[in-house]
């Protein structure tokens, strides 16, 4: 089997994606439009 000794730790980014998506929806923007504004 593949060795796991050098695997990098998990990152948890789901909440960030959801937060950005909700901002876009509230602003009437499309999924890939900038949400800075």
ModelCIF file with pLDDT and N, C-alpha, C, O atoms, coordinates in Angstrom:
data_MODEL
#
_entry.id   MODEL 
#
_entity.id                         1 
_entity.type                       polymer 
_entity.pdbx_number_of_molecules   1 
#
_entity_poly.entity_id                      1 
_entity_poly.type                           'polypeptide(L)' 
_entity_poly.nstd_linkage                   no 
_entity_poly.nstd_monomer                   no 
_entity_poly.pdbx_seq_one_letter_code       
;(UNK)(UNK)(UNK)(UNK)(UNK)(UNK)(UNK)(UNK)(UNK)(UNK)(UNK)(UNK)(UNK)(UNK)(UNK)(UNK)
(UNK)(UNK)(UNK)(UNK)(UNK)(UNK)(UNK)(UNK)(UNK)(UNK)(UNK)(UNK)(UNK)(UNK)(UNK)(UNK)
(UNK)(UNK)(UNK)(UNK)(UNK)
;
_entity_poly.pdbx_seq_one_letter_code_can   XXXXXXXXXXXXXXXXXXXXXXXXXXXXXXXXXXXXX 
_entity_poly.pdbx_strand_id                 A 
#
loop_
_entity_poly_seq.entity_id 
_entity_poly_seq.num 
_entity_poly_seq.mon_id 
_entity_poly_seq.hetero 
1 1  UNK n 
1 2  UNK n 
1 3  UNK n 
1 4  UNK n 
1 5  UNK n 
1 6  UNK n 
1 7  UNK n 
1 8  UNK n 
1 9  UNK n 
1 10 UNK n 
1 11 UNK n 
1 12 UNK n 
1 13 UNK n 
1 14 UNK n 
1 15 UNK n 
1 16 UNK n 
1 17 UNK n 
1 18 UNK n 
1 19 UNK n 
1 20 UNK n 
1 21 UNK n 
1 22 UNK n 
1 23 UNK n 
1 24 UNK n 
1 25 UNK n 
1 26 UNK n 
1 27 UNK n 
1 28 UNK n 
1 29 UNK n 
1 30 UNK n 
1 31 UNK n 
1 32 UNK n 
1 33 UNK n 
1 34 UNK n 
1 35 UNK n 
1 36 UNK n 
1 37 UNK n 
#
_struct_asym.id          A 
_struct_asym.entity_id   1 
#
loop_
_ma_qa_metric.id 
_ma_qa_metric.mode 
_ma_qa_metric.name 
_ma_qa_metric.software_group_id 
_ma_qa_metric.type 
1 global pLDDT . pLDDT 
2 local  pLDDT . pLDDT 
#
_ma_qa_metric_global.metric_id      1 
_ma_qa_metric_global.metric_value   82.22 
_ma_qa_metric_global.model_id       1 
_ma_qa_metric_global.ordinal_id     1 
#
loop_
_ma_qa_metric_local.label_asym_id 
_ma_qa_metric_local.label_comp_id 
_ma_qa_metric_local.label_seq_id 
_ma_qa_metric_local.metric_id 
_ma_qa_metric_local.metric_value 
_ma_qa_metric_local.model_id 
_ma_qa_metric_local.ordinal_id 
A UNK 1  2 93.00 1 1  
A UNK 2  2 93.00 1 2  
A UNK 3  2 93.00 1 3  
A UNK 4  2 93.00 1 4  
A UNK 5  2 92.00 1 5  
A UNK 6  2 92.00 1 6  
A UNK 7  2 95.00 1 7  
A UNK 8  2 95.00 1 8  
A UNK 9  2 94.00 1 9  
A UNK 10 2 90.00 1 10 
A UNK 11 2 88.00 1 11 
A UNK 12 2 84.00 1 12 
A UNK 13 2 82.00 1 13 
A UNK 14 2 78.00 1 14 
A UNK 15 2 79.00 1 15 
A UNK 16 2 82.00 1 16 
A UNK 17 2 79.00 1 17 
A UNK 18 2 82.00 1 18 
A UNK 19 2 85.00 1 19 
A UNK 20 2 85.00 1 20 
A UNK 21 2 83.00 1 21 
A UNK 22 2 86.00 1 22 
A UNK 23 2 88.00 1 23 
A UNK 24 2 86.00 1 24 
A UNK 25 2 87.00 1 25 
A UNK 26 2 85.00 1 26 
A UNK 27 2 87.00 1 27 
A UNK 28 2 84.00 1 28 
A UNK 29 2 79.00 1 29 
A UNK 30 2 78.00 1 30 
A UNK 31 2 78.00 1 31 
A UNK 32 2 72.00 1 32 
A UNK 33 2 71.00 1 33 
A UNK 34 2 67.00 1 34 
A UNK 35 2 59.00 1 35 
A UNK 36 2 54.00 1 36 
A UNK 37 2 44.00 1 37 
#
loop_
_atom_site.group_PDB 
_atom_site.id 
_atom_site.type_symbol 
_atom_site.label_atom_id 
_atom_site.label_alt_id 
_atom_site.label_comp_id 
_atom_site.label_asym_id 
_atom_site.label_entity_id 
_atom_site.label_seq_id 
_atom_site.pdbx_PDB_ins_code 
_atom_site.Cartn_x 
_atom_site.Cartn_y 
_atom_site.Cartn_z 
_atom_site.occupancy 
_atom_site.B_iso_or_equiv 
_atom_site.pdbx_formal_charge 
_atom_site.auth_seq_id 
_atom_site.auth_comp_id 
_atom_site.auth_asym_id 
_atom_site.auth_atom_id 
_atom_site.pdbx_PDB_model_num 
ATOM 1   N N  . UNK A 1 1  ? 0.840   -1.198 0.000   1.00 93.00 ? 1  UNK A N  1 
ATOM 2   C CA . UNK A 1 1  ? 0.000   0.000  0.000   1.00 93.00 ? 1  UNK A CA 1 
ATOM 3   C C  . UNK A 1 1  ? 0.875   1.247  0.000   1.00 93.00 ? 1  UNK A C  1 
ATOM 4   O O  . UNK A 1 1  ? 2.074   1.182  0.270   1.00 93.00 ? 1  UNK A O  1 
ATOM 5   N N  . UNK A 1 2  ? 0.263   2.368  -0.304  1.00 93.00 ? 2  UNK A N  1 
ATOM 6   C CA . UNK A 1 2  ? 0.971   3.645  -0.347  1.00 93.00 ? 2  UNK A CA 1 
ATOM 7   C C  . UNK A 1 2  ? 1.255   4.123  1.074   1.00 93.00 ? 2  UNK A C  1 
ATOM 8   O O  . UNK A 1 2  ? 0.372   4.093  1.931   1.00 93.00 ? 2  UNK A O  1 
ATOM 9   N N  . UNK A 1 3  ? 2.458   4.554  1.319   1.00 93.00 ? 3  UNK A N  1 
ATOM 10  C CA . UNK A 1 3  ? 2.833   5.042  2.649   1.00 93.00 ? 3  UNK A CA 1 
ATOM 11  C C  . UNK A 1 3  ? 2.229   6.420  2.901   1.00 93.00 ? 3  UNK A C  1 
ATOM 12  O O  . UNK A 1 3  ? 2.112   7.239  1.989   1.00 93.00 ? 3  UNK A O  1 
ATOM 13  N N  . UNK A 1 4  ? 1.856   6.655  4.128   1.00 93.00 ? 4  UNK A N  1 
ATOM 14  C CA . UNK A 1 4  ? 1.200   7.907  4.515   1.00 93.00 ? 4  UNK A CA 1 
ATOM 15  C C  . UNK A 1 4  ? 2.120   8.830  5.317   1.00 93.00 ? 4  UNK A C  1 
ATOM 16  O O  . UNK A 1 4  ? 1.669   9.846  5.846   1.00 93.00 ? 4  UNK A O  1 
ATOM 17  N N  . UNK A 1 5  ? 3.392   8.484  5.409   1.00 92.00 ? 5  UNK A N  1 
ATOM 18  C CA . UNK A 1 5  ? 4.305   9.211  6.295   1.00 92.00 ? 5  UNK A CA 1 
ATOM 19  C C  . UNK A 1 5  ? 4.431   10.695 5.955   1.00 92.00 ? 5  UNK A C  1 
ATOM 20  O O  . UNK A 1 5  ? 4.605   11.527 6.845   1.00 92.00 ? 5  UNK A O  1 
ATOM 21  N N  . UNK A 1 6  ? 4.343   11.020 4.674   1.00 92.00 ? 6  UNK A N  1 
ATOM 22  C CA . UNK A 1 6  ? 4.609   12.396 4.249   1.00 92.00 ? 6  UNK A CA 1 
ATOM 23  C C  . UNK A 1 6  ? 3.360   13.153 3.807   1.00 92.00 ? 6  UNK A C  1 
ATOM 24  O O  . UNK A 1 6  ? 3.461   14.203 3.173   1.00 92.00 ? 6  UNK A O  1 
ATOM 25  N N  . UNK A 1 7  ? 2.185   12.626 4.140   1.00 95.00 ? 7  UNK A N  1 
ATOM 26  C CA . UNK A 1 7  ? 0.971   13.329 3.718   1.00 95.00 ? 7  UNK A CA 1 
ATOM 27  C C  . UNK A 1 7  ? 0.815   14.635 4.496   1.00 95.00 ? 7  UNK A C  1 
ATOM 28  O O  . UNK A 1 7  ? 1.156   14.708 5.677   1.00 95.00 ? 7  UNK A O  1 
ATOM 29  N N  . UNK A 1 8  ? 0.300   15.658 3.826   1.00 95.00 ? 8  UNK A N  1 
ATOM 30  C CA . UNK A 1 8  ? 0.071   16.933 4.512   1.00 95.00 ? 8  UNK A CA 1 
ATOM 31  C C  . UNK A 1 8  ? -1.254  16.871 5.273   1.00 95.00 ? 8  UNK A C  1 
ATOM 32  O O  . UNK A 1 8  ? -2.151  16.115 4.900   1.00 95.00 ? 8  UNK A O  1 
ATOM 33  N N  . UNK A 1 9  ? -1.375  17.654 6.324   1.00 94.00 ? 9  UNK A N  1 
ATOM 34  C CA . UNK A 1 9  ? -2.601  17.616 7.125   1.00 94.00 ? 9  UNK A CA 1 
ATOM 35  C C  . UNK A 1 9  ? -3.796  18.185 6.377   1.00 94.00 ? 9  UNK A C  1 
ATOM 36  O O  . UNK A 1 9  ? -3.645  18.973 5.443   1.00 94.00 ? 9  UNK A O  1 
ATOM 37  N N  . UNK A 1 10 ? -4.980  17.777 6.799   1.00 90.00 ? 10 UNK A N  1 
ATOM 38  C CA . UNK A 1 10 ? -6.224  18.224 6.167   1.00 90.00 ? 10 UNK A CA 1 
ATOM 39  C C  . UNK A 1 10 ? -6.428  19.726 6.377   1.00 90.00 ? 10 UNK A C  1 
ATOM 40  O O  . UNK A 1 10 ? -6.083  20.287 7.417   1.00 90.00 ? 10 UNK A O  1 
ATOM 41  N N  . UNK A 1 11 ? -7.001  20.350 5.354   1.00 88.00 ? 11 UNK A N  1 
ATOM 42  C CA . UNK A 1 11 ? -7.447  21.734 5.456   1.00 88.00 ? 11 UNK A CA 1 
ATOM 43  C C  . UNK A 1 11 ? -8.972  21.734 5.369   1.00 88.00 ? 11 UNK A C  1 
ATOM 44  O O  . UNK A 1 11 ? -9.561  20.944 4.632   1.00 88.00 ? 11 UNK A O  1 
ATOM 45  N N  . UNK A 1 12 ? -9.594  22.619 6.121   1.00 84.00 ? 12 UNK A N  1 
ATOM 46  C CA . UNK A 1 12 ? -11.056 22.652 6.157   1.00 84.00 ? 12 UNK A CA 1 
ATOM 47  C C  . UNK A 1 12 ? -11.539 23.987 5.606   1.00 84.00 ? 12 UNK A C  1 
ATOM 48  O O  . UNK A 1 12 ? -11.451 25.025 6.261   1.00 84.00 ? 12 UNK A O  1 
ATOM 49  N N  . UNK A 1 13 ? -12.053 23.925 4.373   1.00 82.00 ? 13 UNK A N  1 
ATOM 50  C CA . UNK A 1 13 ? -12.361 25.147 3.624   1.00 82.00 ? 13 UNK A CA 1 
ATOM 51  C C  . UNK A 1 13 ? -13.833 25.250 3.240   1.00 82.00 ? 13 UNK A C  1 
ATOM 52  O O  . UNK A 1 13 ? -14.240 26.216 2.595   1.00 82.00 ? 13 UNK A O  1 
ATOM 53  N N  . UNK A 1 14 ? -14.627 24.266 3.631   1.00 78.00 ? 14 UNK A N  1 
ATOM 54  C CA . UNK A 1 14 ? -16.025 24.225 3.200   1.00 78.00 ? 14 UNK A CA 1 
ATOM 55  C C  . UNK A 1 14 ? -16.780 25.484 3.604   1.00 78.00 ? 14 UNK A C  1 
ATOM 56  O O  . UNK A 1 14 ? -17.502 26.060 2.790   1.00 78.00 ? 14 UNK A O  1 
ATOM 57  N N  . UNK A 1 15 ? -16.623 25.915 4.846   1.00 79.00 ? 15 UNK A N  1 
ATOM 58  C CA . UNK A 1 15 ? -17.382 27.065 5.326   1.00 79.00 ? 15 UNK A CA 1 
ATOM 59  C C  . UNK A 1 15 ? -17.042 28.327 4.540   1.00 79.00 ? 15 UNK A C  1 
ATOM 60  O O  . UNK A 1 15 ? -17.906 29.173 4.314   1.00 79.00 ? 15 UNK A O  1 
ATOM 61  N N  . UNK A 1 16 ? -15.771 28.453 4.122   1.00 82.00 ? 16 UNK A N  1 
ATOM 62  C CA . UNK A 1 16 ? -15.385 29.625 3.343   1.00 82.00 ? 16 UNK A CA 1 
ATOM 63  C C  . UNK A 1 16 ? -16.077 29.636 1.989   1.00 82.00 ? 16 UNK A C  1 
ATOM 64  O O  . UNK A 1 16 ? -16.544 30.684 1.543   1.00 82.00 ? 16 UNK A O  1 
ATOM 65  N N  . UNK A 1 17 ? -16.150 28.478 1.327   1.00 79.00 ? 17 UNK A N  1 
ATOM 66  C CA . UNK A 1 17 ? -16.837 28.402 0.034   1.00 79.00 ? 17 UNK A CA 1 
ATOM 67  C C  . UNK A 1 17 ? -18.321 28.759 0.180   1.00 79.00 ? 17 UNK A C  1 
ATOM 68  O O  . UNK A 1 17 ? -18.884 29.476 -0.647  1.00 79.00 ? 17 UNK A O  1 
ATOM 69  N N  . UNK A 1 18 ? -18.932 28.252 1.232   1.00 82.00 ? 18 UNK A N  1 
ATOM 70  C CA . UNK A 1 18 ? -20.353 28.531 1.463   1.00 82.00 ? 18 UNK A CA 1 
ATOM 71  C C  . UNK A 1 18 ? -20.567 30.018 1.731   1.00 82.00 ? 18 UNK A C  1 
ATOM 72  O O  . UNK A 1 18 ? -21.502 30.618 1.200   1.00 82.00 ? 18 UNK A O  1 
ATOM 73  N N  . UNK A 1 19 ? -19.713 30.607 2.544   1.00 85.00 ? 19 UNK A N  1 
ATOM 74  C CA . UNK A 1 19 ? -19.833 32.024 2.867   1.00 85.00 ? 19 UNK A CA 1 
ATOM 75  C C  . UNK A 1 19 ? -19.721 32.898 1.614   1.00 85.00 ? 19 UNK A C  1 
ATOM 76  O O  . UNK A 1 19 ? -20.495 33.837 1.429   1.00 85.00 ? 19 UNK A O  1 
ATOM 77  N N  . UNK A 1 20 ? -18.748 32.578 0.759   1.00 85.00 ? 20 UNK A N  1 
ATOM 78  C CA . UNK A 1 20 ? -18.576 33.345 -0.469  1.00 85.00 ? 20 UNK A CA 1 
ATOM 79  C C  . UNK A 1 20 ? -19.765 33.164 -1.401  1.00 85.00 ? 20 UNK A C  1 
ATOM 80  O O  . UNK A 1 20 ? -20.223 34.118 -2.030  1.00 85.00 ? 20 UNK A O  1 
ATOM 81  N N  . UNK A 1 21 ? -20.264 31.927 -1.487  1.00 83.00 ? 21 UNK A N  1 
ATOM 82  C CA . UNK A 1 21 ? -21.414 31.668 -2.344  1.00 83.00 ? 21 UNK A CA 1 
ATOM 83  C C  . UNK A 1 21 ? -22.646 32.434 -1.868  1.00 83.00 ? 21 UNK A C  1 
ATOM 84  O O  . UNK A 1 21 ? -23.395 32.977 -2.680  1.00 83.00 ? 21 UNK A O  1 
ATOM 85  N N  . UNK A 1 22 ? -22.855 32.476 -0.561  1.00 86.00 ? 22 UNK A N  1 
ATOM 86  C CA . UNK A 1 22 ? -24.002 33.196 -0.021  1.00 86.00 ? 22 UNK A CA 1 
ATOM 87  C C  . UNK A 1 22 ? -23.881 34.695 -0.298  1.00 86.00 ? 22 UNK A C  1 
ATOM 88  O O  . UNK A 1 22 ? -24.883 35.350 -0.588  1.00 86.00 ? 22 UNK A O  1 
ATOM 89  N N  . UNK A 1 23 ? -22.673 35.241 -0.213  1.00 88.00 ? 23 UNK A N  1 
ATOM 90  C CA . UNK A 1 23 ? -22.475 36.657 -0.535  1.00 88.00 ? 23 UNK A CA 1 
ATOM 91  C C  . UNK A 1 23 ? -22.834 36.934 -1.993  1.00 88.00 ? 23 UNK A C  1 
ATOM 92  O O  . UNK A 1 23 ? -23.489 37.930 -2.302  1.00 88.00 ? 23 UNK A O  1 
ATOM 93  N N  . UNK A 1 24 ? -22.396 36.039 -2.888  1.00 86.00 ? 24 UNK A N  1 
ATOM 94  C CA . UNK A 1 24 ? -22.707 36.232 -4.303  1.00 86.00 ? 24 UNK A CA 1 
ATOM 95  C C  . UNK A 1 24 ? -24.211 36.196 -4.548  1.00 86.00 ? 24 UNK A C  1 
ATOM 96  O O  . UNK A 1 24 ? -24.757 37.027 -5.275  1.00 86.00 ? 24 UNK A O  1 
ATOM 97  N N  . UNK A 1 25 ? -24.870 35.223 -3.930  1.00 87.00 ? 25 UNK A N  1 
ATOM 98  C CA . UNK A 1 25 ? -26.314 35.085 -4.130  1.00 87.00 ? 25 UNK A CA 1 
ATOM 99  C C  . UNK A 1 25 ? -27.039 36.326 -3.621  1.00 87.00 ? 25 UNK A C  1 
ATOM 100 O O  . UNK A 1 25 ? -27.929 36.842 -4.297  1.00 87.00 ? 25 UNK A O  1 
ATOM 101 N N  . UNK A 1 26 ? -26.671 36.808 -2.444  1.00 85.00 ? 26 UNK A N  1 
ATOM 102 C CA . UNK A 1 26 ? -27.315 37.998 -1.863  1.00 85.00 ? 26 UNK A CA 1 
ATOM 103 C C  . UNK A 1 26 ? -27.063 39.234 -2.706  1.00 85.00 ? 26 UNK A C  1 
ATOM 104 O O  . UNK A 1 26 ? -27.895 40.139 -2.764  1.00 85.00 ? 26 UNK A O  1 
ATOM 105 N N  . UNK A 1 27 ? -25.897 39.266 -3.367  1.00 87.00 ? 27 UNK A N  1 
ATOM 106 C CA . UNK A 1 27 ? -25.561 40.421 -4.199  1.00 87.00 ? 27 UNK A CA 1 
ATOM 107 C C  . UNK A 1 27 ? -26.048 40.264 -5.635  1.00 87.00 ? 27 UNK A C  1 
ATOM 108 O O  . UNK A 1 27 ? -25.843 41.153 -6.462  1.00 87.00 ? 27 UNK A O  1 
ATOM 109 N N  . UNK A 1 28 ? -26.695 39.133 -5.935  1.00 84.00 ? 28 UNK A N  1 
ATOM 110 C CA . UNK A 1 28 ? -27.193 38.902 -7.283  1.00 84.00 ? 28 UNK A CA 1 
ATOM 111 C C  . UNK A 1 28 ? -26.100 38.624 -8.286  1.00 84.00 ? 28 UNK A C  1 
ATOM 112 O O  . UNK A 1 28 ? -26.277 38.865 -9.480  1.00 84.00 ? 28 UNK A O  1 
ATOM 113 N N  . UNK A 1 29 ? -24.974 38.122 -7.821  1.00 79.00 ? 29 UNK A N  1 
ATOM 114 C CA . UNK A 1 29 ? -23.846 37.847 -8.706  1.00 79.00 ? 29 UNK A CA 1 
ATOM 115 C C  . UNK A 1 29 ? -23.821 36.380 -9.116  1.00 79.00 ? 29 UNK A C  1 
ATOM 116 O O  . UNK A 1 29 ? -24.442 35.527 -8.483  1.00 79.00 ? 29 UNK A O  1 
ATOM 117 N N  . UNK A 1 30 ? -23.091 36.110 -10.186 1.00 78.00 ? 30 UNK A N  1 
ATOM 118 C CA . UNK A 1 30 ? -22.912 34.753 -10.649 1.00 78.00 ? 30 UNK A CA 1 
ATOM 119 C C  . UNK A 1 30 ? -21.805 34.078 -9.840  1.00 78.00 ? 30 UNK A C  1 
ATOM 120 O O  . UNK A 1 30 ? -21.022 34.758 -9.177  1.00 78.00 ? 30 UNK A O  1 
ATOM 121 N N  . UNK A 1 31 ? -21.733 32.727 -9.890  1.00 78.00 ? 31 UNK A N  1 
ATOM 122 C CA . UNK A 1 31 ? -20.788 32.014 -9.031  1.00 78.00 ? 31 UNK A CA 1 
ATOM 123 C C  . UNK A 1 31 ? -19.339 32.479 -9.125  1.00 78.00 ? 31 UNK A C  1 
ATOM 124 O O  . UNK A 1 31 ? -18.625 32.452 -8.123  1.00 78.00 ? 31 UNK A O  1 
ATOM 125 N N  . UNK A 1 32 ? -18.886 32.908 -10.311 1.00 72.00 ? 32 UNK A N  1 
ATOM 126 C CA . UNK A 1 32 ? -17.472 33.263 -10.466 1.00 72.00 ? 32 UNK A CA 1 
ATOM 127 C C  . UNK A 1 32 ? -17.228 34.761 -10.453 1.00 72.00 ? 32 UNK A C  1 
ATOM 128 O O  . UNK A 1 32 ? -16.097 35.197 -10.669 1.00 72.00 ? 32 UNK A O  1 
ATOM 129 N N  . UNK A 1 33 ? -18.243 35.549 -10.208 1.00 71.00 ? 33 UNK A N  1 
ATOM 130 C CA . UNK A 1 33 ? -18.018 36.983 -10.146 1.00 71.00 ? 33 UNK A CA 1 
ATOM 131 C C  . UNK A 1 33 ? -17.390 37.367 -8.805  1.00 71.00 ? 33 UNK A C  1 
ATOM 132 O O  . UNK A 1 33 ? -17.623 36.722 -7.783  1.00 71.00 ? 33 UNK A O  1 
ATOM 133 N N  . UNK A 1 34 ? -16.604 38.416 -8.838  1.00 67.00 ? 34 UNK A N  1 
ATOM 134 C CA . UNK A 1 34 ? -15.905 38.887 -7.641  1.00 67.00 ? 34 UNK A CA 1 
ATOM 135 C C  . UNK A 1 34 ? -16.913 39.264 -6.566  1.00 67.00 ? 34 UNK A C  1 
ATOM 136 O O  . UNK A 1 34 ? -17.918 39.922 -6.834  1.00 67.00 ? 34 UNK A O  1 
ATOM 137 N N  . UNK A 1 35 ? -16.621 38.831 -5.344  1.00 59.00 ? 35 UNK A N  1 
ATOM 138 C CA . UNK A 1 35 ? -17.530 39.175 -4.239  1.00 59.00 ? 35 UNK A CA 1 
ATOM 139 C C  . UNK A 1 35 ? -16.949 40.256 -3.339  1.00 59.00 ? 35 UNK A C  1 
ATOM 140 O O  . UNK A 1 35 ? -17.477 40.522 -2.260  1.00 59.00 ? 35 UNK A O  1 
ATOM 141 N N  . UNK A 1 36 ? -15.869 40.872 -3.780  1.00 54.00 ? 36 UNK A N  1 
ATOM 142 C CA . UNK A 1 36 ? -15.239 41.896 -2.933  1.00 54.00 ? 36 UNK A CA 1 
ATOM 143 C C  . UNK A 1 36 ? -16.204 43.029 -2.630  1.00 54.00 ? 36 UNK A C  1 
ATOM 144 O O  . UNK A 1 36 ? -16.173 43.613 -1.547  1.00 54.00 ? 36 UNK A O  1 
ATOM 145 N N  . UNK A 1 37 ? -17.065 43.335 -3.598  1.00 44.00 ? 37 UNK A N  1 
ATOM 146 C CA . UNK A 1 37 ? -18.016 44.433 -3.410  1.00 44.00 ? 37 UNK A CA 1 
ATOM 147 C C  . UNK A 1 37 ? -19.364 43.962 -2.926  1.00 44.00 ? 37 UNK A C  1 
ATOM 148 O O  . UNK A 1 37 ? -20.266 44.775 -2.723  1.00 44.00 ? 37 UNK A O  1 
#
